[in-house]
Amino acid sequence: MDSERAIEQAGAASARSEGDPVSALLDEQGAAASGQSAELNGVGAVRARAAEAPVKDQHAKAVAGVAASWRRHRRRGGARDAFVNQARGDVDGIAKGDRARLKGNTGAGRGAARRLRAEQGQNAPPSPPGPDAPAGRFNVTIGGQAIGDFASLDEVEAALEERRADLDALGAQGEVSVGITLTPAGAVVREAAETVWHFYHPRARVHIDGQGGQVSGDATGAEDAAPAPGYFLAYRPVVGAGHGAEAPAPANIELRNLSISGYQSGGLEISPQASAEIPADHLPGGSPQARDRSFGRDHGGNVAFVSGAVVQGVDFRNLGNAHTPDAERVYDARGQHAGSEGHNGFGAGAVMMRGVQNSRIVDNRFSGLVNGVHRNLDAGGAREDGKHLLHGVYLNNRSSGNEVARNSFEGVSGDAIRVSHGSNDNRVLRNVARNSGARGLVSNWHDASKGQADSTGTLVRNNKVGDLYGSKVQGGAYHRQVKGR
């Protein structure tokens, strides 16, 4: 229906009442605007709806003005045709401007959506390499200069410690990039033992790039293979004293483009330490030669904090102790058992962070995260049975201001994201979860009887959540689901 016909029909109706001759045209333009909005999706739809209200407001003002002019025109006995011609030009001009504004807004929204999809595709985590993938080694550069290739991250850490004087000299001129690259692209490192990393230099930022390859703690990488104890990387940098919550040290760690599988505790732990000294009561069996691998993890969020870590494009899969004898063992208060050599027998998060602030966990994939039933020792020495949940991302011990975005979770026995012990103001955005979560996408846990603080200010927005995994949480502490949109 064109504008002239709309005005003519409205004019005929106004001869029987005090209606206005452009109301039908307004209805037509409003329907067109609604139809255009209905075609939009994603970011474009959100932005178009934001623009729709002022557009409708302008239409309403136009109608009110034209209606008032029509009443004055009729009182003066003016010819209807002359008025209709003038009104058609006025209303068509307004509608044309409105359509242009809607189109521009829609275009900008669709452009933003395209950029978001491109970013997600570019940073998507790799799929595990096939059975014929080559064996990999870690190539290391300092400031762009190659220093060699190594079989494990333990060897890499030792090599960096030997070159600390070189890093001091380079660091005096600015930040130094330390590149650790799994080569060749798409390579596999199997039966890789846990690395507990203590090396830290305040001006040396470590970039670990898997180049689409895989590290696995087991021999085969199969879903039911027996995993190795611990994490692939327990990053516990010794940052020194004076780095509390108000003055965190630079985290100096980025992990990208890697598939991690086959570890009991999880894939990555970040828990800064204030010192490397191991007290006597942390030496298993009283042996001064034995190194307790768990020491220092609780420094993070208590006496040591870091800021600015990045975990992006990493595939965390088949983690937890469900397929090991450790699932049935008796554990002490530190989550260890006799013969564990300081490793945790089970973990709580594929990505575990303690005292980590303003960091990004984005564009990752989490799947097959399951622990078995365990038997724990309470303070009185009695045994209690239960399922120890393995979460996807665990923000623990005052890990605040972090972003968890655009990740996917599937087959996660615990919750996709857990915040705990005073971890505040974290952002959970645009994640997808299926068959995951004991309580929900995000949960908040603390034990007030132990002086642990609640976590507040979590922003949960624009996530998609399917069915829960169905696990149950044992009672005795404060636990709740964090709700959002």
Protein backbone atom coordinates (compact mmCIF):
# COMPACT_ATOMS: atom_id res chain seq x y z
CA MET A 1 0.00 0.00 0.00
CA ASP A 2 1.55 3.33 -1.03
CA SER A 3 1.41 6.50 1.02
CA GLU A 4 -1.16 8.26 -1.21
CA ARG A 5 -3.63 5.39 -0.91
CA ALA A 6 -3.08 5.25 2.83
CA ILE A 7 -3.77 8.96 3.20
CA GLU A 8 -6.85 8.79 0.98
CA GLN A 9 -8.34 5.95 3.02
CA ALA A 10 -7.56 7.78 6.24
CA GLY A 11 -9.14 10.93 4.82
CA ALA A 12 -12.35 9.07 3.99
CA ALA A 13 -12.52 7.73 7.53
CA SER A 14 -11.97 11.21 8.94
CA ALA A 15 -15.08 12.47 7.15
CA ARG A 16 -17.08 10.25 9.53
CA SER A 17 -15.04 11.06 12.65
CA GLU A 18 -12.30 13.27 13.90
CA GLY A 19 -9.62 10.73 12.90
CA ASP A 20 -6.39 11.77 11.25
CA PRO A 21 -5.68 11.09 7.56
CA VAL A 22 -2.24 9.53 8.03
CA SER A 23 -2.94 6.96 10.74
CA ALA A 24 -3.07 4.16 8.16
CA LEU A 25 0.27 5.28 6.79
CA LEU A 26 1.69 5.20 10.31
CA ASP A 27 0.36 1.67 10.77
CA GLU A 28 1.99 0.65 7.50
CA GLN A 29 5.33 2.17 8.42
CA GLY A 30 5.20 0.60 11.89
CA ALA A 31 4.50 -2.82 10.40
CA ALA A 32 7.40 -2.40 7.98
CA ALA A 33 9.73 -1.46 10.81
CA SER A 34 8.59 -4.45 12.88
CA GLY A 35 9.05 -6.77 9.93
CA GLN A 36 12.56 -5.47 9.38
CA SER A 37 13.40 -5.96 13.05
CA ALA A 38 12.07 -9.51 12.94
CA GLU A 39 14.59 -10.40 10.25
CA LEU A 40 17.51 -9.53 12.45
CA ASN A 41 19.37 -11.88 14.79
CA GLY A 42 22.21 -11.91 17.30
CA VAL A 43 23.95 -8.61 17.93
CA GLY A 44 22.08 -6.95 15.10
CA ALA A 45 18.72 -7.68 16.70
CA VAL A 46 19.78 -6.23 20.02
CA ARG A 47 21.01 -3.02 18.45
CA ALA A 48 17.98 -2.70 16.18
CA ARG A 49 15.60 -3.03 19.12
CA ALA A 50 17.53 -0.32 20.92
CA ALA A 51 16.93 1.97 17.95
CA GLU A 52 13.27 1.00 17.50
CA ALA A 53 11.94 3.00 20.45
CA PRO A 54 13.12 6.44 19.25
CA VAL A 55 11.89 5.58 15.74
CA LYS A 56 8.39 4.84 17.02
CA ASP A 57 8.51 8.00 19.12
CA GLN A 58 9.29 10.05 16.02
CA HIS A 59 6.35 8.42 14.19
CA ALA A 60 4.02 9.28 17.06
CA LYS A 61 5.13 12.91 17.08
CA ALA A 62 4.69 13.09 13.31
CA VAL A 63 1.13 11.74 13.53
CA ALA A 64 0.22 14.12 16.33
CA GLY A 65 1.51 17.06 14.31
CA VAL A 66 -0.22 16.06 11.09
CA ALA A 67 -3.49 15.30 12.92
CA ALA A 68 -3.46 18.74 14.54
CA SER A 69 -2.77 20.36 11.16
CA TRP A 70 -5.65 18.41 9.60
CA ARG A 71 -8.09 19.62 12.25
CA ARG A 72 -7.01 23.24 11.72
CA HIS A 73 -7.22 22.79 7.94
CA ARG A 74 -10.79 21.45 8.17
CA ARG A 75 -11.89 24.32 10.42
CA ARG A 76 -10.63 26.76 7.84
CA GLY A 77 -12.55 24.88 5.13
CA GLY A 78 -9.41 24.03 3.19
CA ALA A 79 -9.39 21.59 0.32
CA ARG A 80 -8.61 18.00 1.35
CA ASP A 81 -6.47 17.18 -1.71
CA ALA A 82 -4.08 20.07 -1.10
CA PHE A 83 -3.59 19.00 2.49
CA VAL A 84 -3.08 15.34 1.54
CA ASN A 85 -0.33 16.27 -0.91
CA GLN A 86 1.50 18.27 1.73
CA ALA A 87 1.04 15.62 4.44
CA ARG A 88 2.26 12.85 2.14
CA GLY A 89 5.53 14.68 1.60
CA ASP A 90 5.99 15.34 5.30
CA VAL A 91 5.26 11.78 6.42
CA ASP A 92 7.21 10.14 3.60
CA GLY A 93 10.22 12.26 4.53
CA ILE A 94 10.01 11.26 8.16
CA ALA A 95 9.53 7.56 7.32
CA LYS A 96 12.42 7.59 4.86
CA GLY A 97 14.74 9.00 7.50
CA ASP A 98 13.54 6.44 10.03
CA ARG A 99 14.12 3.56 7.61
CA ALA A 100 17.63 4.82 6.92
CA ARG A 101 18.41 4.98 10.62
CA LEU A 102 17.09 1.46 11.18
CA LYS A 103 19.05 0.15 8.21
CA GLY A 104 22.26 1.75 9.42
CA ASN A 105 21.79 0.39 12.92
CA THR A 106 21.04 -3.07 11.56
CA GLY A 107 24.11 -2.98 9.35
CA ALA A 108 26.33 -2.00 12.26
CA GLY A 109 24.84 -4.81 14.38
CA ARG A 110 25.33 -7.40 11.68
CA GLY A 111 28.89 -6.22 11.19
CA ALA A 112 29.56 -6.66 14.90
CA ALA A 113 28.04 -10.15 14.74
CA ARG A 114 30.26 -11.07 11.78
CA ARG A 115 33.34 -9.84 13.63
CA LEU A 116 32.35 -11.86 16.70
CA ARG A 117 31.89 -15.04 14.64
CA ALA A 118 35.23 -14.48 12.92
CA GLU A 119 36.94 -14.00 16.29
CA GLN A 120 35.38 -17.18 17.64
CA GLY A 121 36.45 -19.14 14.57
CA GLN A 122 39.98 -17.79 14.69
CA ASN A 123 40.42 -18.62 18.38
CA ALA A 124 38.50 -21.93 18.48
CA PRO A 125 40.33 -24.67 20.41
CA PRO A 126 41.95 -27.43 18.35
CA SER A 127 40.64 -30.95 18.05
CA PRO A 128 43.07 -33.63 19.29
CA PRO A 129 45.53 -34.78 16.62
CA GLY A 130 45.06 -38.20 15.04
CA PRO A 131 46.95 -41.41 15.90
CA ASP A 132 49.63 -40.69 13.29
CA ALA A 133 50.54 -37.28 14.71
CA PRO A 134 54.29 -36.76 15.11
CA ALA A 135 55.96 -36.70 18.51
CA GLY A 136 56.47 -33.16 19.74
CA ARG A 137 59.10 -31.12 21.53
CA PHE A 138 59.01 -27.65 23.06
CA ASN A 139 60.93 -25.03 21.09
CA VAL A 140 61.96 -22.03 23.21
CA THR A 141 62.88 -18.47 22.25
CA ILE A 142 63.87 -15.50 24.40
CA GLY A 143 63.25 -12.14 22.81
CA GLY A 144 62.88 -13.88 19.45
CA GLN A 145 66.21 -15.71 19.72
CA ALA A 146 66.06 -19.53 19.77
CA ILE A 147 67.72 -21.21 22.73
CA GLY A 148 66.84 -24.84 21.92
CA ASP A 149 64.10 -27.45 22.00
CA PHE A 150 63.19 -29.62 24.98
CA ALA A 151 61.27 -32.78 25.78
CA SER A 152 59.27 -31.35 28.70
CA LEU A 153 58.31 -28.13 30.45
CA ASP A 154 60.49 -29.20 33.38
CA GLU A 155 63.50 -28.96 31.04
CA VAL A 156 62.26 -25.61 29.73
CA GLU A 157 61.99 -24.19 33.26
CA ALA A 158 65.54 -25.34 34.08
CA ALA A 159 66.86 -23.72 30.89
CA LEU A 160 65.20 -20.40 31.73
CA GLU A 161 66.65 -20.47 35.24
CA GLU A 162 70.12 -20.91 33.76
CA ARG A 163 69.55 -17.81 31.61
CA ARG A 164 68.24 -15.56 34.36
CA ALA A 165 71.18 -13.14 33.94
CA ASP A 166 70.33 -12.77 30.24
CA LEU A 167 66.72 -12.07 31.14
CA ASP A 168 67.84 -9.44 33.66
CA ALA A 169 69.81 -7.63 30.93
CA LEU A 170 66.97 -7.79 28.41
CA GLY A 171 64.37 -6.91 31.04
CA ALA A 172 66.18 -3.68 31.83
CA GLN A 173 65.10 -2.49 28.37
CA GLY A 174 61.44 -3.58 28.64
CA GLU A 175 59.20 -6.63 28.68
CA VAL A 176 60.79 -9.80 27.33
CA SER A 177 58.78 -12.36 25.38
CA VAL A 178 59.56 -16.00 26.19
CA GLY A 179 58.04 -18.21 23.50
CA ILE A 180 57.39 -21.91 24.18
CA THR A 181 56.04 -23.60 21.05
CA LEU A 182 55.04 -27.23 20.63
CA THR A 183 56.66 -28.35 17.37
CA PRO A 184 55.98 -29.46 14.75
CA ALA A 185 52.43 -28.13 14.36
CA GLY A 186 49.84 -30.72 15.37
CA ALA A 187 52.37 -32.78 17.35
CA VAL A 188 51.64 -34.94 20.40
CA VAL A 189 53.52 -35.37 23.69
CA ARG A 190 52.29 -38.51 25.46
CA GLU A 191 52.85 -39.68 29.04
CA ALA A 192 53.84 -36.14 29.94
CA ALA A 193 54.29 -35.87 33.71
CA GLU A 194 52.98 -32.91 35.68
CA THR A 195 55.19 -29.82 35.66
CA VAL A 196 55.21 -27.74 38.86
CA TRP A 197 56.58 -24.44 37.58
CA HIS A 198 58.20 -22.00 40.03
CA PHE A 199 60.33 -19.88 37.68
CA TYR A 200 59.37 -16.21 37.58
CA HIS A 201 60.90 -13.06 36.17
CA PRO A 202 58.86 -9.85 36.49
CA ARG A 203 59.77 -8.68 32.96
CA ALA A 204 59.56 -12.06 31.17
CA ARG A 205 56.11 -12.99 29.83
CA VAL A 206 55.79 -16.68 28.94
CA HIS A 207 53.73 -17.50 25.82
CA ILE A 208 52.89 -21.22 25.41
CA ASP A 209 51.54 -22.01 21.93
CA GLY A 210 50.46 -25.57 21.22
CA GLN A 211 50.08 -25.00 17.46
CA GLY A 212 47.05 -27.30 17.46
CA GLY A 213 48.96 -30.12 19.16
CA GLN A 214 48.22 -32.20 22.24
CA VAL A 215 49.80 -33.08 25.56
CA SER A 216 48.49 -36.13 27.35
CA GLY A 217 49.32 -37.61 30.72
CA ASP A 218 48.30 -41.10 29.60
CA ALA A 219 49.80 -43.35 26.98
CA THR A 220 46.92 -43.51 24.50
CA GLY A 221 44.73 -40.43 24.87
CA ALA A 222 41.62 -42.63 25.01
CA GLU A 223 38.64 -41.58 27.09
CA ASP A 224 39.00 -44.50 29.55
CA ALA A 225 42.82 -44.43 29.78
CA ALA A 226 44.44 -44.13 33.21
CA PRO A 227 45.47 -40.47 33.68
CA ALA A 228 48.70 -39.17 35.16
CA PRO A 229 48.73 -37.59 38.64
CA GLY A 230 48.42 -33.82 38.98
CA TYR A 231 47.95 -31.18 36.28
CA PHE A 232 49.66 -30.76 32.95
CA LEU A 233 50.97 -27.44 34.28
CA ALA A 234 50.81 -26.35 37.91
CA TYR A 235 52.01 -22.77 37.42
CA ARG A 236 53.16 -21.60 40.86
CA PRO A 237 55.52 -18.71 40.12
CA VAL A 238 57.52 -17.43 43.07
CA VAL A 239 56.65 -13.73 42.80
CA GLY A 240 58.13 -12.72 46.17
CA ALA A 241 56.66 -10.78 49.05
CA GLY A 242 54.62 -7.60 48.76
CA HIS A 243 52.17 -8.75 46.08
CA GLY A 244 48.87 -8.72 47.93
CA ALA A 245 45.41 -8.19 46.47
CA GLU A 246 46.02 -4.45 46.01
CA ALA A 247 49.40 -4.89 44.29
CA PRO A 248 49.36 -8.15 42.29
CA ALA A 249 52.42 -9.19 40.32
CA PRO A 250 52.12 -9.64 36.54
CA ALA A 251 51.04 -13.25 35.92
CA ASN A 252 53.33 -13.44 32.87
CA ILE A 253 51.62 -16.55 31.46
CA GLU A 254 49.59 -17.14 28.28
CA LEU A 255 48.42 -20.58 27.16
CA ARG A 256 46.87 -21.00 23.71
CA ASN A 257 45.95 -23.42 20.93
CA LEU A 258 46.57 -26.71 22.74
CA SER A 259 44.64 -29.89 23.60
CA ILE A 260 45.21 -31.21 27.16
CA SER A 261 43.97 -34.61 28.34
CA GLY A 262 44.72 -37.43 30.72
CA TYR A 263 45.48 -35.77 34.08
CA GLN A 264 43.87 -36.54 37.42
CA SER A 265 43.71 -33.04 38.90
CA GLY A 266 43.04 -30.97 35.77
CA GLY A 267 44.77 -29.20 32.94
CA LEU A 268 46.09 -25.92 34.37
CA GLU A 269 46.56 -24.53 37.85
CA ILE A 270 47.70 -20.96 38.52
CA SER A 271 48.62 -20.39 42.17
CA PRO A 272 51.36 -17.79 42.80
CA GLN A 273 53.77 -18.27 45.70
CA ALA A 274 55.43 -15.68 47.91
CA SER A 275 58.47 -17.89 48.54
CA ALA A 276 59.96 -21.23 47.49
CA GLU A 277 60.89 -22.36 50.99
CA ILE A 278 59.26 -25.67 51.99
CA PRO A 279 58.58 -26.04 55.70
CA ALA A 280 59.43 -29.33 57.38
CA ASP A 281 55.81 -30.37 57.88
CA HIS A 282 55.30 -30.27 54.10
CA LEU A 283 57.95 -32.92 53.44
CA PRO A 284 56.17 -36.28 52.93
CA GLY A 285 57.36 -38.96 55.32
CA GLY A 286 59.71 -36.50 57.01
CA SER A 287 62.30 -36.99 54.27
CA PRO A 288 64.26 -33.79 53.58
CA GLN A 289 65.01 -35.11 50.08
CA ALA A 290 61.37 -35.46 49.10
CA ARG A 291 59.78 -32.38 47.59
CA ASP A 292 56.14 -31.82 48.42
CA ARG A 293 54.66 -30.87 45.06
CA SER A 294 51.55 -29.38 46.64
CA PHE A 295 53.38 -26.82 48.77
CA GLY A 296 52.73 -23.23 47.81
CA ARG A 297 49.38 -23.72 46.15
CA ASP A 298 47.57 -22.08 49.07
CA HIS A 299 49.80 -18.99 48.92
CA GLY A 300 47.63 -17.86 45.99
CA GLY A 301 44.90 -15.59 47.30
CA ASN A 302 46.37 -15.46 50.78
CA VAL A 303 49.89 -13.99 50.57
CA ALA A 304 50.46 -13.84 46.80
CA PHE A 305 48.39 -12.50 43.87
CA VAL A 306 48.96 -12.18 40.12
CA SER A 307 47.10 -10.37 37.36
CA GLY A 308 46.74 -10.63 33.58
CA ALA A 309 46.90 -14.35 32.72
CA VAL A 310 45.38 -15.54 29.42
CA VAL A 311 43.97 -19.00 28.62
CA GLN A 312 42.57 -19.04 25.09
CA GLY A 313 41.73 -21.64 22.48
CA VAL A 314 42.58 -24.64 24.69
CA ASP A 315 40.77 -27.99 24.60
CA PHE A 316 40.51 -29.52 28.10
CA ARG A 317 39.19 -33.08 27.81
CA ASN A 318 39.08 -36.42 29.64
CA LEU A 319 40.37 -35.07 32.94
CA GLY A 320 39.74 -36.38 36.47
CA ASN A 321 40.42 -39.53 38.44
CA ALA A 322 37.33 -41.56 37.51
CA HIS A 323 39.46 -44.18 35.72
CA THR A 324 42.15 -44.67 38.37
CA PRO A 325 42.56 -46.56 41.65
CA ASP A 326 42.94 -43.12 43.26
CA ALA A 327 39.18 -42.69 42.91
CA GLU A 328 38.71 -45.18 45.77
CA ARG A 329 41.60 -44.23 48.04
CA VAL A 330 41.58 -42.54 51.43
CA TYR A 331 42.82 -38.95 51.31
CA ASP A 332 44.20 -36.64 53.95
CA ALA A 333 43.22 -33.02 54.52
CA ARG A 334 45.39 -31.89 51.60
CA GLY A 335 43.72 -34.26 49.13
CA GLN A 336 46.67 -36.68 49.12
CA HIS A 337 47.14 -40.31 50.06
CA ALA A 338 50.02 -42.51 51.07
CA GLY A 339 52.35 -42.99 48.12
CA SER A 340 51.01 -39.99 46.20
CA GLU A 341 54.43 -38.27 46.32
CA GLY A 342 52.83 -34.92 46.96
CA HIS A 343 50.40 -35.06 44.01
CA ASN A 344 46.71 -34.45 44.53
CA GLY A 345 44.72 -37.64 44.07
CA PHE A 346 41.85 -35.60 42.66
CA GLY A 347 41.26 -32.08 41.42
CA ALA A 348 38.43 -29.58 41.62
CA GLY A 349 38.80 -27.69 38.33
CA ALA A 350 40.18 -28.23 34.83
CA VAL A 351 41.40 -24.65 35.19
CA MET A 352 42.12 -23.86 38.84
CA MET A 353 43.02 -20.29 39.81
CA ARG A 354 43.98 -19.03 43.24
CA GLY A 355 44.72 -15.37 43.81
CA VAL A 356 44.44 -14.61 40.07
CA GLN A 357 42.96 -11.27 39.05
CA ASN A 358 41.93 -9.47 35.84
CA SER A 359 42.62 -12.48 33.64
CA ARG A 360 40.85 -13.98 30.62
CA ILE A 361 39.64 -17.56 30.10
CA VAL A 362 38.08 -17.36 26.64
CA ASP A 363 37.28 -19.49 23.57
CA ASN A 364 38.12 -22.80 25.27
CA ARG A 365 36.41 -26.21 25.23
CA PHE A 366 35.83 -28.38 28.31
CA SER A 367 34.57 -31.98 28.00
CA GLY A 368 34.69 -35.26 29.89
CA LEU A 369 35.61 -33.82 33.31
CA VAL A 370 34.71 -36.52 35.84
CA ASN A 371 36.02 -37.66 39.23
CA GLY A 372 35.19 -40.97 40.86
CA VAL A 373 33.87 -41.61 44.33
CA HIS A 374 36.46 -40.81 46.98
CA ARG A 375 36.87 -41.41 50.68
CA ASN A 376 38.08 -38.45 52.68
CA LEU A 377 39.32 -38.02 56.25
CA ASP A 378 37.54 -35.36 58.28
CA ALA A 379 39.10 -33.53 61.23
CA GLY A 380 38.19 -36.34 63.63
CA GLY A 381 39.69 -39.06 61.49
CA ALA A 382 36.37 -40.57 60.48
CA ARG A 383 35.78 -41.55 56.88
CA GLU A 384 33.08 -39.96 54.75
CA ASP A 385 32.17 -41.09 51.27
CA GLY A 386 31.05 -38.90 48.39
CA LYS A 387 31.64 -37.79 44.83
CA HIS A 388 34.24 -35.06 44.48
CA LEU A 389 33.06 -32.85 41.64
CA LEU A 390 35.38 -31.68 38.88
CA HIS A 391 34.39 -28.23 37.64
CA GLY A 392 35.37 -26.53 34.41
CA VAL A 393 36.78 -23.17 35.58
CA TYR A 394 37.35 -22.75 39.32
CA LEU A 395 38.01 -19.18 40.48
CA ASN A 396 39.21 -19.70 44.04
CA ASN A 397 40.85 -17.74 46.89
CA ARG A 398 40.00 -14.14 45.96
CA SER A 399 40.39 -14.56 42.20
CA SER A 400 38.51 -11.43 41.17
CA GLY A 401 37.81 -9.31 38.10
CA ASN A 402 38.27 -12.16 35.62
CA GLU A 403 36.42 -12.81 32.34
CA VAL A 404 35.14 -16.28 31.43
CA ALA A 405 33.67 -15.93 27.94
CA ARG A 406 32.77 -17.86 24.78
CA ASN A 407 33.71 -21.25 26.25
CA SER A 408 31.85 -24.53 25.69
CA PHE A 409 31.25 -27.15 28.39
CA GLU A 410 29.99 -30.70 27.83
CA GLY A 411 30.07 -33.70 30.14
CA VAL A 412 31.32 -31.71 33.15
CA SER A 413 30.40 -33.46 36.41
CA GLY A 414 30.76 -30.31 38.51
CA ASP A 415 29.56 -26.87 37.49
CA ALA A 416 30.92 -25.19 34.40
CA ILE A 417 32.20 -22.25 36.45
CA ARG A 418 32.61 -22.02 40.20
CA VAL A 419 33.52 -18.93 42.23
CA SER A 420 34.70 -19.45 45.78
CA HIS A 421 36.31 -17.90 48.85
CA GLY A 422 35.89 -14.18 48.16
CA SER A 423 36.30 -14.23 44.36
CA ASN A 424 34.37 -11.11 43.39
CA ASP A 425 33.25 -9.19 40.31
CA ASN A 426 33.94 -11.90 37.76
CA ARG A 427 32.18 -11.86 34.36
CA VAL A 428 30.61 -14.97 32.78
CA LEU A 429 29.57 -14.12 29.23
CA ARG A 430 28.34 -15.97 26.13
CA ASN A 431 29.27 -19.50 27.25
CA VAL A 432 27.47 -22.70 26.20
CA ALA A 433 26.96 -25.69 28.54
CA ARG A 434 25.38 -29.10 27.81
CA ASN A 435 25.14 -32.08 30.17
CA SER A 436 27.17 -30.10 32.68
CA GLY A 437 26.76 -28.79 36.19
CA ALA A 438 25.69 -30.23 39.54
CA ARG A 439 23.78 -27.04 40.38
CA GLY A 440 23.97 -24.78 37.34
CA LEU A 441 26.25 -22.97 34.93
CA VAL A 442 27.81 -20.94 37.76
CA SER A 443 27.95 -21.79 41.45
CA ASN A 444 29.22 -19.95 44.50
CA TRP A 445 30.73 -21.90 47.42
CA HIS A 446 32.31 -21.01 50.72
CA ASP A 447 32.56 -22.46 54.21
CA ALA A 448 31.87 -19.73 56.74
CA SER A 449 32.88 -22.02 59.61
CA LYS A 450 36.45 -21.86 58.23
CA GLY A 451 36.38 -18.09 57.84
CA GLN A 452 35.94 -18.23 54.07
CA ALA A 453 34.31 -15.20 52.48
CA ASP A 454 31.30 -15.22 50.18
CA SER A 455 31.88 -14.24 46.53
CA THR A 456 29.84 -11.30 45.23
CA GLY A 457 29.31 -9.25 42.09
CA THR A 458 29.40 -12.11 39.56
CA LEU A 459 27.95 -10.95 36.22
CA VAL A 460 26.26 -13.80 34.30
CA ARG A 461 24.90 -12.77 30.91
CA ASN A 462 24.04 -14.14 27.44
CA ASN A 463 24.90 -17.77 28.19
CA LYS A 464 23.14 -20.90 26.85
CA VAL A 465 22.58 -23.78 29.27
CA GLY A 466 21.24 -27.29 28.64
CA ASP A 467 20.63 -30.16 31.06
CA LEU A 468 22.61 -30.55 34.27
CA TYR A 469 25.05 -33.40 34.70
CA GLY A 470 23.07 -34.70 37.68
CA SER A 471 25.76 -34.98 40.35
CA LYS A 472 25.00 -34.03 43.94
CA VAL A 473 27.00 -31.81 46.27
CA GLN A 474 27.72 -33.03 49.79
CA GLY A 475 26.33 -30.80 52.53
CA GLY A 476 28.06 -28.99 55.34
CA ALA A 477 29.03 -25.74 53.63
CA TYR A 478 27.34 -22.79 52.00
CA HIS A 479 26.63 -23.42 48.32
CA ARG A 480 24.34 -21.65 45.89
CA GLN A 481 23.77 -21.21 42.19
CA VAL A 482 24.66 -17.82 40.75
CA LYS A 483 21.78 -16.69 38.57
CA GLY A 484 21.94 -14.38 35.59
CA ARG A 485 20.78 -13.95 32.05
